[in-house]
Amino acid sequence: MATVTLGKTGITVNKNGFGALPIQRISKEEAARLLRKAFDSGITFFDTAHSYTDSEEKIGMGLSDVRDQLFIATKTPAKDAKGFWEDLELSLSRMKTDHVDIYQFHNPPFCPKPGDGTGLYEAALEAKRQGKIRFIGITNHRLAVAKEAIESGLYDTLQFPFSYLASEKEIELVRMCKEKNMGFIAMKALSGGLINNSAAAYAYLAKFDNVLPIWGVQRESELDEFLSYVENPPELTSELQAVIDKDRQELAGEFCRGCGYCLPCPAGIDIPTCARMSLLIRRSPSAPHLSKESQEKMARIDNCIHCNHCVNHCPYGLNTPELLRRNYADYKTFL
């Protein structure tokens, strides 16, 4: 069984973390059953967030009776100390626990530090003193903020998008975390669904002994796929390397990672789906993407008011309106 230790936290877990964002989309009973199956099969790291609607509540339902045998990471989008405490207390209540193992600032546009005027880091230190959190983490999609967090020495973990589509800049973050003995949690290890070979994804990330991937799980079949890697982790064979090389070639350049920070769109456009449609329709069964519902969703692109809300909020600096326009033009060729 491959394991990973999250830097100076000392938290050592199977190299399969459970990403609990997708369980928002299923019933409480089904979510609790999936969570428990994951735990019973050897997964002991579960990542969620205050902002993931009822995800924390479902974790409480499925795992509260084995709380002392696993690790929970959650997040707060709070902008000040008041919001921090409100979020933390609600998260603890939802998950039926008295502490969070890693409490993370959720994609802030800056790196919270003592004395920055927000009171966020001071609140985290006080929560740690009270035993309500064990370690302080940060998640982000911005390279500059991530680097600043690593260099600050203030954080125990960094959560950042990382997959075999990563550039040398993201790989450098992994190296920096290892040098600083800081845990690295890889979100979007399947690049928001664009990577469709989980064995290749797992084998690539296995090269980095300080990286913990968290896989977004919504269906039992997905969970079973990752559970099969607990005892039989895929090796980076020439065949899997060929898959990676092909995907890198096809997905090179500007593409939407599906992070959702452009939402809500004032024109009601589902930007993360619509801006990736050209890729999704070619890399997965096309029928669901050609349904009446999907056609109506894509048609909303014509309602774009060019307010640049998406442009201003994209951590990757994409020209999202142009990306949407190109995707819609391509989509029409399939109809």
C-alpha atoms as a PDB file:
ATOM      1  CA  MET A   1       0.000   0.000   0.000  1.00  0.00           C
ATOM      2  CA  ALA A   2       1.479   3.339  -1.072  1.00  0.00           C
ATOM      3  CA  THR A   3       1.361   6.048   1.589  1.00  0.00           C
ATOM      4  CA  VAL A   4       2.247   9.722   1.766  1.00  0.00           C
ATOM      5  CA  THR A   5       3.121  11.975   4.696  1.00  0.00           C
ATOM      6  CA  LEU A   6       1.880  15.559   4.599  1.00  0.00           C
ATOM      7  CA  GLY A   7       5.091  17.306   5.557  1.00  0.00           C
ATOM      8  CA  LYS A   8       5.526  18.494   9.117  1.00  0.00           C
ATOM      9  CA  THR A   9       1.957  17.567  10.042  1.00  0.00           C
ATOM     10  CA  GLY A  10       3.094  13.954  10.316  1.00  0.00           C
ATOM     11  CA  ILE A  11      -0.262  12.878   8.860  1.00  0.00           C
ATOM     12  CA  THR A  12       0.449   9.668   6.943  1.00  0.00           C
ATOM     13  CA  VAL A  13      -2.323   8.196   4.799  1.00  0.00           C
ATOM     14  CA  ASN A  14      -2.932   5.999   1.792  1.00  0.00           C
ATOM     15  CA  LYS A  15      -2.058   7.829  -1.436  1.00  0.00           C
ATOM     16  CA  ASN A  16      -5.770   8.040  -2.219  1.00  0.00           C
ATOM     17  CA  GLY A  17      -7.644  10.965  -0.680  1.00  0.00           C
ATOM     18  CA  PHE A  18     -11.432  11.272  -0.932  1.00  0.00           C
ATOM     19  CA  GLY A  19     -12.516  14.562  -2.501  1.00  0.00           C
ATOM     20  CA  ALA A  20     -15.990  15.228  -1.140  1.00  0.00           C
ATOM     21  CA  LEU A  21     -17.112  18.013  -3.478  1.00  0.00           C
ATOM     22  CA  PRO A  22     -19.074  15.677  -5.828  1.00  0.00           C
ATOM     23  CA  ILE A  23     -21.119  14.067  -3.049  1.00  0.00           C
ATOM     24  CA  GLN A  24     -23.169  17.276  -2.999  1.00  0.00           C
ATOM     25  CA  ARG A  25     -24.928  15.839  -6.043  1.00  0.00           C
ATOM     26  CA  ILE A  26     -26.176  12.591  -4.488  1.00  0.00           C
ATOM     27  CA  SER A  27     -28.547  11.733  -1.649  1.00  0.00           C
ATOM     28  CA  LYS A  28     -27.420  11.793   1.947  1.00  0.00           C
ATOM     29  CA  GLU A  29     -27.896   8.052   2.256  1.00  0.00           C
ATOM     30  CA  GLU A  30     -25.859   7.279  -0.875  1.00  0.00           C
ATOM     31  CA  ALA A  31     -23.134   9.719   0.153  1.00  0.00           C
ATOM     32  CA  ALA A  32     -22.880   8.211   3.631  1.00  0.00           C
ATOM     33  CA  ARG A  33     -22.632   4.735   2.113  1.00  0.00           C
ATOM     34  CA  LEU A  34     -19.851   5.789  -0.283  1.00  0.00           C
ATOM     35  CA  LEU A  35     -17.912   7.529   2.469  1.00  0.00           C
ATOM     36  CA  ARG A  36     -18.134   4.508   4.709  1.00  0.00           C
ATOM     37  CA  LYS A  37     -17.106   2.127   1.937  1.00  0.00           C
ATOM     38  CA  ALA A  38     -14.086   4.322   1.263  1.00  0.00           C
ATOM     39  CA  PHE A  39     -13.093   4.249   4.929  1.00  0.00           C
ATOM     40  CA  ASP A  40     -13.684   0.524   5.309  1.00  0.00           C
ATOM     41  CA  SER A  41     -11.466  -0.030   2.260  1.00  0.00           C
ATOM     42  CA  GLY A  42      -8.482   1.915   3.576  1.00  0.00           C
ATOM     43  CA  ILE A  43      -9.050   5.568   2.680  1.00  0.00           C
ATOM     44  CA  THR A  44      -8.535   7.756   5.740  1.00  0.00           C
ATOM     45  CA  PHE A  45      -8.195  11.290   4.316  1.00  0.00           C
ATOM     46  CA  PHE A  46     -11.364  13.192   3.462  1.00  0.00           C
ATOM     47  CA  ASP A  47     -11.377  16.724   2.024  1.00  0.00           C
ATOM     48  CA  THR A  48     -14.441  18.950   1.960  1.00  0.00           C
ATOM     49  CA  ALA A  49     -15.346  22.622   2.379  1.00  0.00           C
ATOM     50  CA  HIS A  50     -17.814  24.917   4.092  1.00  0.00           C
ATOM     51  CA  SER A  51     -18.891  26.032   0.605  1.00  0.00           C
ATOM     52  CA  TYR A  52     -19.719  22.519  -0.655  1.00  0.00           C
ATOM     53  CA  THR A  53     -23.391  22.822   0.399  1.00  0.00           C
ATOM     54  CA  ASP A  54     -24.239  19.655   2.394  1.00  0.00           C
ATOM     55  CA  SER A  55     -20.934  17.808   1.897  1.00  0.00           C
ATOM     56  CA  GLU A  56     -19.796  18.375   5.485  1.00  0.00           C
ATOM     57  CA  GLU A  57     -23.144  17.189   6.826  1.00  0.00           C
ATOM     58  CA  LYS A  58     -22.828  13.997   4.798  1.00  0.00           C
ATOM     59  CA  ILE A  59     -19.356  13.389   6.205  1.00  0.00           C
ATOM     60  CA  GLY A  60     -20.839  13.722   9.677  1.00  0.00           C
ATOM     61  CA  MET A  61     -23.528  11.200   8.797  1.00  0.00           C
ATOM     62  CA  GLY A  62     -21.164   8.642   7.331  1.00  0.00           C
ATOM     63  CA  LEU A  63     -18.043   8.910   9.435  1.00  0.00           C
ATOM     64  CA  SER A  64     -18.689  10.506  12.831  1.00  0.00           C
ATOM     65  CA  ASP A  65     -18.575   7.179  14.680  1.00  0.00           C
ATOM     66  CA  VAL A  66     -15.045   6.472  13.361  1.00  0.00           C
ATOM     67  CA  ARG A  67     -13.842  10.076  13.608  1.00  0.00           C
ATOM     68  CA  ASP A  68     -10.727   9.197  15.627  1.00  0.00           C
ATOM     69  CA  GLN A  69      -9.542   6.804  12.914  1.00  0.00           C
ATOM     70  CA  LEU A  70      -9.388   9.268  10.018  1.00  0.00           C
ATOM     71  CA  PHE A  71      -8.328  12.768   8.985  1.00  0.00           C
ATOM     72  CA  ILE A  72     -10.641  15.555   7.849  1.00  0.00           C
ATOM     73  CA  ALA A  73      -9.623  18.667   5.942  1.00  0.00           C
ATOM     74  CA  THR A  74     -12.144  21.408   5.296  1.00  0.00           C
ATOM     75  CA  LYS A  75     -12.052  25.028   4.190  1.00  0.00           C
ATOM     76  CA  THR A  76     -13.372  28.499   4.921  1.00  0.00           C
ATOM     77  CA  PRO A  77     -13.933  31.261   2.354  1.00  0.00           C
ATOM     78  CA  ALA A  78     -14.143  33.822   5.168  1.00  0.00           C
ATOM     79  CA  LYS A  79     -12.811  37.315   4.562  1.00  0.00           C
ATOM     80  CA  ASP A  80     -12.432  38.282   8.223  1.00  0.00           C
ATOM     81  CA  ALA A  81     -12.162  36.802  11.711  1.00  0.00           C
ATOM     82  CA  LYS A  82     -15.900  36.954  12.374  1.00  0.00           C
ATOM     83  CA  GLY A  83     -16.636  34.920   9.277  1.00  0.00           C
ATOM     84  CA  PHE A  84     -13.827  32.518  10.158  1.00  0.00           C
ATOM     85  CA  TRP A  85     -15.349  31.626  13.525  1.00  0.00           C
ATOM     86  CA  GLU A  86     -18.858  31.339  12.112  1.00  0.00           C
ATOM     87  CA  ASP A  87     -17.645  28.980   9.381  1.00  0.00           C
ATOM     88  CA  LEU A  88     -15.540  26.874  11.731  1.00  0.00           C
ATOM     89  CA  GLU A  89     -18.260  26.378  14.319  1.00  0.00           C
ATOM     90  CA  LEU A  90     -20.777  25.448  11.629  1.00  0.00           C
ATOM     91  CA  SER A  91     -18.342  22.996  10.033  1.00  0.00           C
ATOM     92  CA  LEU A  92     -17.673  21.305  13.383  1.00  0.00           C
ATOM     93  CA  SER A  93     -21.394  21.019  14.025  1.00  0.00           C
ATOM     94  CA  ARG A  94     -22.141  19.638  10.562  1.00  0.00           C
ATOM     95  CA  MET A  95     -19.421  17.015  10.778  1.00  0.00           C
ATOM     96  CA  LYS A  96     -20.228  16.064  14.386  1.00  0.00           C
ATOM     97  CA  THR A  97     -16.670  16.582  15.547  1.00  0.00           C
ATOM     98  CA  ASP A  98     -14.808  18.806  17.987  1.00  0.00           C
ATOM     99  CA  HIS A  99     -11.832  19.439  15.717  1.00  0.00           C
ATOM    100  CA  VAL A 100     -10.634  19.612  12.113  1.00  0.00           C
ATOM    101  CA  ASP A 101      -7.270  18.110  11.254  1.00  0.00           C
ATOM    102  CA  ILE A 102      -6.442  20.641   8.522  1.00  0.00           C
ATOM    103  CA  TYR A 103      -8.380  23.881   8.289  1.00  0.00           C
ATOM    104  CA  GLN A 104      -7.686  25.646   5.002  1.00  0.00           C
ATOM    105  CA  PHE A 105      -8.253  29.153   3.730  1.00  0.00           C
ATOM    106  CA  HIS A 106     -10.310  28.513   0.582  1.00  0.00           C
ATOM    107  CA  ASN A 107      -8.678  30.069  -2.498  1.00  0.00           C
ATOM    108  CA  PRO A 108      -8.104  33.578  -1.089  1.00  0.00           C
ATOM    109  CA  PRO A 109      -6.831  36.153  -3.601  1.00  0.00           C
ATOM    110  CA  PHE A 110      -4.007  36.926  -1.163  1.00  0.00           C
ATOM    111  CA  CYS A 111      -1.922  35.020   1.368  1.00  0.00           C
ATOM    112  CA  PRO A 112      -3.365  35.589   4.872  1.00  0.00           C
ATOM    113  CA  LYS A 113      -0.645  36.609   7.325  1.00  0.00           C
ATOM    114  CA  PRO A 114      -0.480  37.983  10.859  1.00  0.00           C
ATOM    115  CA  GLY A 115      -1.024  41.741  10.891  1.00  0.00           C
ATOM    116  CA  ASP A 116      -2.594  41.969   7.425  1.00  0.00           C
ATOM    117  CA  GLY A 117      -5.728  43.592   8.850  1.00  0.00           C
ATOM    118  CA  THR A 118      -8.131  40.714   8.166  1.00  0.00           C
ATOM    119  CA  GLY A 119      -7.562  38.859  11.428  1.00  0.00           C
ATOM    120  CA  LEU A 120      -7.804  35.564   9.539  1.00  0.00           C
ATOM    121  CA  TYR A 121      -4.422  34.109  10.463  1.00  0.00           C
ATOM    122  CA  GLU A 122      -4.736  35.262  14.056  1.00  0.00           C
ATOM    123  CA  ALA A 123      -8.122  33.509  14.237  1.00  0.00           C
ATOM    124  CA  ALA A 124      -6.566  30.318  12.885  1.00  0.00           C
ATOM    125  CA  LEU A 125      -3.844  30.456  15.532  1.00  0.00           C
ATOM    126  CA  GLU A 126      -6.449  30.926  18.264  1.00  0.00           C
ATOM    127  CA  ALA A 127      -8.537  28.044  16.906  1.00  0.00           C
ATOM    128  CA  LYS A 128      -5.399  25.904  16.957  1.00  0.00           C
ATOM    129  CA  ARG A 129      -4.677  26.955  20.543  1.00  0.00           C
ATOM    130  CA  GLN A 130      -8.218  25.930  21.487  1.00  0.00           C
ATOM    131  CA  GLY A 131      -7.762  22.529  19.851  1.00  0.00           C
ATOM    132  CA  LYS A 132     -10.462  23.127  17.254  1.00  0.00           C
ATOM    133  CA  ILE A 133      -7.992  22.779  14.398  1.00  0.00           C
ATOM    134  CA  ARG A 134      -4.701  20.886  14.350  1.00  0.00           C
ATOM    135  CA  PHE A 135      -2.990  22.364  11.289  1.00  0.00           C
ATOM    136  CA  ILE A 136      -3.370  25.462   9.116  1.00  0.00           C
ATOM    137  CA  GLY A 137      -3.568  25.062   5.358  1.00  0.00           C
ATOM    138  CA  ILE A 138      -4.330  27.102   2.274  1.00  0.00           C
ATOM    139  CA  THR A 139      -5.845  26.211  -1.100  1.00  0.00           C
ATOM    140  CA  ASN A 140      -5.344  28.205  -4.249  1.00  0.00           C
ATOM    141  CA  HIS A 141      -5.334  28.387  -8.020  1.00  0.00           C
ATOM    142  CA  ARG A 142      -2.873  31.274  -8.227  1.00  0.00           C
ATOM    143  CA  LEU A 143       0.831  30.512  -8.546  1.00  0.00           C
ATOM    144  CA  ALA A 144       1.898  33.776  -6.909  1.00  0.00           C
ATOM    145  CA  VAL A 145      -0.277  33.237  -3.825  1.00  0.00           C
ATOM    146  CA  ALA A 146       0.833  29.605  -3.559  1.00  0.00           C
ATOM    147  CA  LYS A 147       4.514  30.553  -3.712  1.00  0.00           C
ATOM    148  CA  GLU A 148       4.021  33.271  -1.121  1.00  0.00           C
ATOM    149  CA  ALA A 149       2.305  30.802   1.201  1.00  0.00           C
ATOM    150  CA  ILE A 150       5.141  28.311   0.867  1.00  0.00           C
ATOM    151  CA  GLU A 151       7.837  30.926   1.377  1.00  0.00           C
ATOM    152  CA  SER A 152       6.053  32.455   4.382  1.00  0.00           C
ATOM    153  CA  GLY A 153       6.557  29.369   6.532  1.00  0.00           C
ATOM    154  CA  LEU A 154       3.110  30.014   8.036  1.00  0.00           C
ATOM    155  CA  TYR A 155       1.303  27.040   6.525  1.00  0.00           C
ATOM    156  CA  ASP A 156       1.384  23.316   7.136  1.00  0.00           C
ATOM    157  CA  THR A 157      -0.206  22.338   3.807  1.00  0.00           C
ATOM    158  CA  LEU A 158      -0.887  23.690   0.340  1.00  0.00           C
ATOM    159  CA  GLN A 159      -3.729  22.397  -1.824  1.00  0.00           C
ATOM    160  CA  PHE A 160      -3.253  23.213  -5.505  1.00  0.00           C
ATOM    161  CA  PRO A 161      -4.353  21.785  -8.889  1.00  0.00           C
ATOM    162  CA  PHE A 162      -1.834  19.144  -9.967  1.00  0.00           C
ATOM    163  CA  SER A 163      -2.046  16.456 -12.610  1.00  0.00           C
ATOM    164  CA  TYR A 164      -0.002  15.158 -15.509  1.00  0.00           C
ATOM    165  CA  LEU A 165      -1.101  18.264 -17.403  1.00  0.00           C
ATOM    166  CA  ALA A 166       0.878  20.403 -14.957  1.00  0.00           C
ATOM    167  CA  SER A 167       3.536  22.747 -16.206  1.00  0.00           C
ATOM    168  CA  GLU A 168       7.025  23.116 -14.793  1.00  0.00           C
ATOM    169  CA  LYS A 169       5.667  25.972 -12.663  1.00  0.00           C
ATOM    170  CA  GLU A 170       3.303  23.639 -10.794  1.00  0.00           C
ATOM    171  CA  ILE A 171       6.019  20.988 -10.451  1.00  0.00           C
ATOM    172  CA  GLU A 172       8.217  23.645  -8.881  1.00  0.00           C
ATOM    173  CA  LEU A 173       5.529  24.220  -6.215  1.00  0.00           C
ATOM    174  CA  VAL A 174       5.723  20.522  -5.345  1.00  0.00           C
ATOM    175  CA  ARG A 175       9.514  20.769  -5.038  1.00  0.00           C
ATOM    176  CA  MET A 176       9.281  23.874  -2.885  1.00  0.00           C
ATOM    177  CA  CYS A 177       6.812  22.190  -0.531  1.00  0.00           C
ATOM    178  CA  LYS A 178       9.127  19.211  -0.150  1.00  0.00           C
ATOM    179  CA  GLU A 179      12.058  21.484   0.654  1.00  0.00           C
ATOM    180  CA  LYS A 180       9.986  23.338   3.262  1.00  0.00           C
ATOM    181  CA  ASN A 181       8.543  20.071   4.691  1.00  0.00           C
ATOM    182  CA  MET A 182       5.079  21.348   3.797  1.00  0.00           C
ATOM    183  CA  GLY A 183       2.291  18.967   2.804  1.00  0.00           C
ATOM    184  CA  PHE A 184       1.080  19.104  -0.804  1.00  0.00           C
ATOM    185  CA  ILE A 185      -2.528  18.095  -1.514  1.00  0.00           C
ATOM    186  CA  ALA A 186      -3.294  17.686  -5.220  1.00  0.00           C
ATOM    187  CA  MET A 187      -6.761  18.814  -6.230  1.00  0.00           C
ATOM    188  CA  LYS A 188      -8.112  18.293  -9.742  1.00  0.00           C
ATOM    189  CA  ALA A 189      -5.833  15.316 -10.298  1.00  0.00           C
ATOM    190  CA  LEU A 190      -8.151  14.426 -13.206  1.00  0.00           C
ATOM    191  CA  SER A 191      -8.121  18.050 -14.399  1.00  0.00           C
ATOM    192  CA  GLY A 192     -11.798  18.599 -13.787  1.00  0.00           C
ATOM    193  CA  GLY A 193     -12.807  15.507 -15.770  1.00  0.00           C
ATOM    194  CA  LEU A 194     -10.647  16.128 -18.845  1.00  0.00           C
ATOM    195  CA  ILE A 195      -8.311  13.284 -17.880  1.00  0.00           C
ATOM    196  CA  ASN A 196     -10.196  10.045 -18.456  1.00  0.00           C
ATOM    197  CA  ASN A 197      -7.503   7.505 -17.615  1.00  0.00           C
ATOM    198  CA  SER A 198      -7.269   7.307 -13.834  1.00  0.00           C
ATOM    199  CA  ALA A 199      -4.488   4.713 -13.948  1.00  0.00           C
ATOM    200  CA  ALA A 200      -2.288   7.127 -15.893  1.00  0.00           C
ATOM    201  CA  ALA A 201      -3.229   9.944 -13.510  1.00  0.00           C
ATOM    202  CA  TYR A 202      -2.378   7.830 -10.463  1.00  0.00           C
ATOM    203  CA  ALA A 203       0.869   6.484 -11.905  1.00  0.00           C
ATOM    204  CA  TYR A 204       2.092   9.981 -12.776  1.00  0.00           C
ATOM    205  CA  LEU A 205       1.355  11.392  -9.327  1.00  0.00           C
ATOM    206  CA  ALA A 206       2.999   8.368  -7.710  1.00  0.00           C
ATOM    207  CA  LYS A 207       6.334   9.798  -8.918  1.00  0.00           C
ATOM    208  CA  PHE A 208       6.005  12.543  -6.306  1.00  0.00           C
ATOM    209  CA  ASP A 209       6.386  11.027  -2.862  1.00  0.00           C
ATOM    210  CA  ASN A 210       5.156  14.170  -1.066  1.00  0.00           C
ATOM    211  CA  VAL A 211       1.903  14.581  -3.047  1.00  0.00           C
ATOM    212  CA  LEU A 212      -1.495  13.396  -1.790  1.00  0.00           C
ATOM    213  CA  PRO A 213      -4.087  13.272  -4.616  1.00  0.00           C
ATOM    214  CA  ILE A 214      -7.710  13.770  -3.641  1.00  0.00           C
ATOM    215  CA  TRP A 215     -10.049  12.127  -6.127  1.00  0.00           C
ATOM    216  CA  GLY A 216     -13.525  13.581  -6.552  1.00  0.00           C
ATOM    217  CA  VAL A 217     -15.958  10.709  -6.014  1.00  0.00           C
ATOM    218  CA  GLN A 218     -19.673  10.694  -6.828  1.00  0.00           C
ATOM    219  CA  ARG A 219     -20.379   7.145  -8.030  1.00  0.00           C
ATOM    220  CA  GLU A 220     -19.531   3.777  -6.549  1.00  0.00           C
ATOM    221  CA  SER A 221     -17.875   2.744  -9.810  1.00  0.00           C
ATOM    222  CA  GLU A 222     -15.481   5.689  -9.483  1.00  0.00           C
ATOM    223  CA  LEU A 223     -14.689   4.770  -5.906  1.00  0.00           C
ATOM    224  CA  ASP A 224     -14.076   1.137  -6.857  1.00  0.00           C
ATOM    225  CA  GLU A 225     -11.635   2.266  -9.523  1.00  0.00           C
ATOM    226  CA  PHE A 226      -9.498   4.157  -7.029  1.00  0.00           C
ATOM    227  CA  LEU A 227      -9.849   1.510  -4.344  1.00  0.00           C
ATOM    228  CA  SER A 228      -8.351  -1.018  -6.760  1.00  0.00           C
ATOM    229  CA  TYR A 229      -5.173   1.061  -6.662  1.00  0.00           C
ATOM    230  CA  VAL A 230      -4.781   0.683  -2.891  1.00  0.00           C
ATOM    231  CA  GLU A 231      -3.311  -2.798  -3.175  1.00  0.00           C
ATOM    232  CA  ASN A 232      -2.366  -2.676  -6.871  1.00  0.00           C
ATOM    233  CA  PRO A 233      -1.068   0.824  -7.667  1.00  0.00           C
ATOM    234  CA  PRO A 234      -0.553   1.377 -11.419  1.00  0.00           C
ATOM    235  CA  GLU A 235       3.027   1.717 -12.623  1.00  0.00           C
ATOM    236  CA  LEU A 236       4.029   4.288 -15.200  1.00  0.00           C
ATOM    237  CA  THR A 237       4.442   1.878 -18.104  1.00  0.00           C
ATOM    238  CA  SER A 238       5.269   2.901 -21.656  1.00  0.00           C
ATOM    239  CA  GLU A 239       1.590   2.428 -22.504  1.00  0.00           C
ATOM    240  CA  LEU A 240       0.427   4.811 -19.792  1.00  0.00           C
ATOM    241  CA  GLN A 241       3.167   7.279 -20.700  1.00  0.00           C
ATOM    242  CA  ALA A 242       1.821   7.247 -24.251  1.00  0.00           C
ATOM    243  CA  VAL A 243      -1.625   8.163 -22.892  1.00  0.00           C
ATOM    244  CA  ILE A 244      -0.091  11.051 -20.972  1.00  0.00           C
ATOM    245  CA  ASP A 245       1.896  12.275 -23.978  1.00  0.00           C
ATOM    246  CA  LYS A 246      -1.199  12.196 -26.180  1.00  0.00           C
ATOM    247  CA  ASP A 247      -3.298  14.097 -23.632  1.00  0.00           C
ATOM    248  CA  ARG A 248      -0.596  16.691 -23.144  1.00  0.00           C
ATOM    249  CA  GLN A 249      -0.533  17.286 -26.877  1.00  0.00           C
ATOM    250  CA  GLU A 250      -4.325  17.521 -27.181  1.00  0.00           C
ATOM    251  CA  LEU A 251      -4.777  19.714 -24.121  1.00  0.00           C
ATOM    252  CA  ALA A 252      -1.803  21.991 -24.625  1.00  0.00           C
ATOM    253  CA  GLY A 253      -2.488  25.696 -24.491  1.00  0.00           C
ATOM    254  CA  GLU A 254      -5.397  27.546 -22.974  1.00  0.00           C
ATOM    255  CA  PHE A 255      -8.217  25.444 -21.577  1.00  0.00           C
ATOM    256  CA  CYS A 256     -10.723  25.843 -18.761  1.00  0.00           C
ATOM    257  CA  ARG A 257      -9.789  23.823 -15.649  1.00  0.00           C
ATOM    258  CA  GLY A 258     -13.386  23.870 -14.386  1.00  0.00           C
ATOM    259  CA  CYS A 259     -12.541  25.503 -11.049  1.00  0.00           C
ATOM    260  CA  GLY A 260     -15.784  27.527 -11.069  1.00  0.00           C
ATOM    261  CA  TYR A 261     -14.382  30.756  -9.663  1.00  0.00           C
ATOM    262  CA  CYS A 262     -15.944  32.617 -12.603  1.00  0.00           C
ATOM    263  CA  LEU A 263     -19.398  31.832 -11.212  1.00  0.00           C
ATOM    264  CA  PRO A 264     -22.066  32.997 -10.811  1.00  0.00           C
ATOM    265  CA  CYS A 265     -22.352  34.306 -14.352  1.00  0.00           C
ATOM    266  CA  PRO A 266     -24.744  37.297 -14.576  1.00  0.00           C
ATOM    267  CA  ALA A 267     -26.061  35.855 -17.868  1.00  0.00           C
ATOM    268  CA  GLY A 268     -26.699  32.435 -16.349  1.00  0.00           C
ATOM    269  CA  ILE A 269     -24.037  30.635 -18.395  1.00  0.00           C
ATOM    270  CA  ASP A 270     -22.608  27.415 -16.921  1.00  0.00           C
ATOM    271  CA  ILE A 271     -19.093  28.560 -17.774  1.00  0.00           C
ATOM    272  CA  PRO A 272     -17.074  25.557 -16.453  1.00  0.00           C
ATOM    273  CA  THR A 273     -19.107  23.175 -18.620  1.00  0.00           C
ATOM    274  CA  CYS A 274     -19.593  25.364 -21.678  1.00  0.00           C
ATOM    275  CA  ALA A 275     -15.986  26.560 -21.861  1.00  0.00           C
ATOM    276  CA  ARG A 276     -14.755  22.950 -21.900  1.00  0.00           C
ATOM    277  CA  MET A 277     -17.394  21.484 -24.194  1.00  0.00           C
ATOM    278  CA  SER A 278     -15.102  20.970 -27.182  1.00  0.00           C
ATOM    279  CA  LEU A 279     -12.877  18.798 -25.010  1.00  0.00           C
ATOM    280  CA  LEU A 280     -15.643  17.039 -23.090  1.00  0.00           C
ATOM    281  CA  ILE A 281     -17.571  16.039 -26.188  1.00  0.00           C
ATOM    282  CA  ARG A 282     -14.457  14.423 -27.672  1.00  0.00           C
ATOM    283  CA  ARG A 283     -13.135  12.786 -24.517  1.00  0.00           C
ATOM    284  CA  SER A 284     -16.298  11.202 -23.160  1.00  0.00           C
ATOM    285  CA  PRO A 285     -19.533   9.725 -24.565  1.00  0.00           C
ATOM    286  CA  SER A 286     -21.052  12.502 -26.674  1.00  0.00           C
ATOM    287  CA  ALA A 287     -24.760  11.677 -26.268  1.00  0.00           C
ATOM    288  CA  PRO A 288     -25.226  13.365 -22.849  1.00  0.00           C
ATOM    289  CA  HIS A 289     -23.578  16.512 -24.200  1.00  0.00           C
ATOM    290  CA  LEU A 290     -25.981  16.626 -27.141  1.00  0.00           C
ATOM    291  CA  SER A 291     -29.172  16.351 -25.100  1.00  0.00           C
ATOM    292  CA  LYS A 292     -31.858  19.037 -25.225  1.00  0.00           C
ATOM    293  CA  GLU A 293     -30.747  20.238 -21.799  1.00  0.00           C
ATOM    294  CA  SER A 294     -27.127  20.559 -22.940  1.00  0.00           C
ATOM    295  CA  GLN A 295     -28.159  22.369 -26.117  1.00  0.00           C
ATOM    296  CA  GLU A 296     -30.144  24.879 -24.069  1.00  0.00           C
ATOM    297  CA  LYS A 297     -27.170  25.306 -21.757  1.00  0.00           C
ATOM    298  CA  MET A 298     -24.828  26.031 -24.661  1.00  0.00           C
ATOM    299  CA  ALA A 299     -27.346  28.407 -26.281  1.00  0.00           C
ATOM    300  CA  ARG A 300     -27.062  30.673 -23.242  1.00  0.00           C
ATOM    301  CA  ILE A 301     -23.618  31.637 -24.496  1.00  0.00           C
ATOM    302  CA  ASP A 302     -25.442  33.972 -26.914  1.00  0.00           C
ATOM    303  CA  ASN A 303     -26.700  35.851 -23.843  1.00  0.00           C
ATOM    304  CA  CYS A 304     -23.182  36.892 -22.810  1.00  0.00           C
ATOM    305  CA  ILE A 305     -23.235  40.558 -21.826  1.00  0.00           C
ATOM    306  CA  HIS A 306     -19.421  40.882 -21.927  1.00  0.00           C
ATOM    307  CA  CYS A 307     -19.283  42.170 -18.368  1.00  0.00           C
ATOM    308  CA  ASN A 308     -15.866  40.503 -17.913  1.00  0.00           C
ATOM    309  CA  HIS A 309     -16.858  39.069 -14.533  1.00  0.00           C
ATOM    310  CA  CYS A 310     -15.444  35.717 -15.671  1.00  0.00           C
ATOM    311  CA  VAL A 311     -12.235  37.291 -16.987  1.00  0.00           C
ATOM    312  CA  ASN A 312     -11.636  39.183 -13.766  1.00  0.00           C
ATOM    313  CA  HIS A 313     -12.169  36.091 -11.622  1.00  0.00           C
ATOM    314  CA  CYS A 314     -10.280  33.494 -13.666  1.00  0.00           C
ATOM    315  CA  PRO A 315      -7.119  32.487 -11.758  1.00  0.00           C
ATOM    316  CA  TYR A 316      -5.581  31.299 -15.044  1.00  0.00           C
ATOM    317  CA  GLY A 317      -6.073  34.582 -16.899  1.00  0.00           C
ATOM    318  CA  LEU A 318      -8.225  33.084 -19.652  1.00  0.00           C
ATOM    319  CA  ASN A 319     -10.169  35.139 -22.174  1.00  0.00           C
ATOM    320  CA  THR A 320     -13.319  33.284 -21.164  1.00  0.00           C
ATOM    321  CA  PRO A 321     -15.836  35.031 -23.485  1.00  0.00           C
ATOM    322  CA  GLU A 322     -13.686  34.115 -26.481  1.00  0.00           C
ATOM    323  CA  LEU A 323     -13.272  30.554 -25.163  1.00  0.00           C
ATOM    324  CA  LEU A 324     -17.042  30.258 -24.822  1.00  0.00           C
ATOM    325  CA  ARG A 325     -17.600  31.605 -28.329  1.00  0.00           C
ATOM    326  CA  ARG A 326     -15.174  29.087 -29.857  1.00  0.00           C
ATOM    327  CA  ASN A 327     -16.675  26.204 -27.915  1.00  0.00           C
ATOM    328  CA  TYR A 328     -20.205  27.078 -29.030  1.00  0.00           C
ATOM    329  CA  ALA A 329     -19.149  27.350 -32.677  1.00  0.00           C
ATOM    330  CA  ASP A 330     -17.497  23.941 -32.436  1.00  0.00           C
ATOM    331  CA  TYR A 331     -20.463  22.461 -30.585  1.00  0.00           C
ATOM    332  CA  LYS A 332     -22.840  23.398 -33.383  1.00  0.00           C
ATOM    333  CA  THR A 333     -20.874  21.197 -35.779  1.00  0.00           C
ATOM    334  CA  PHE A 334     -22.032  18.145 -33.804  1.00  0.00           C
ATOM    335  CA  LEU A 335     -25.746  18.996 -34.065  1.00  0.00           C
END
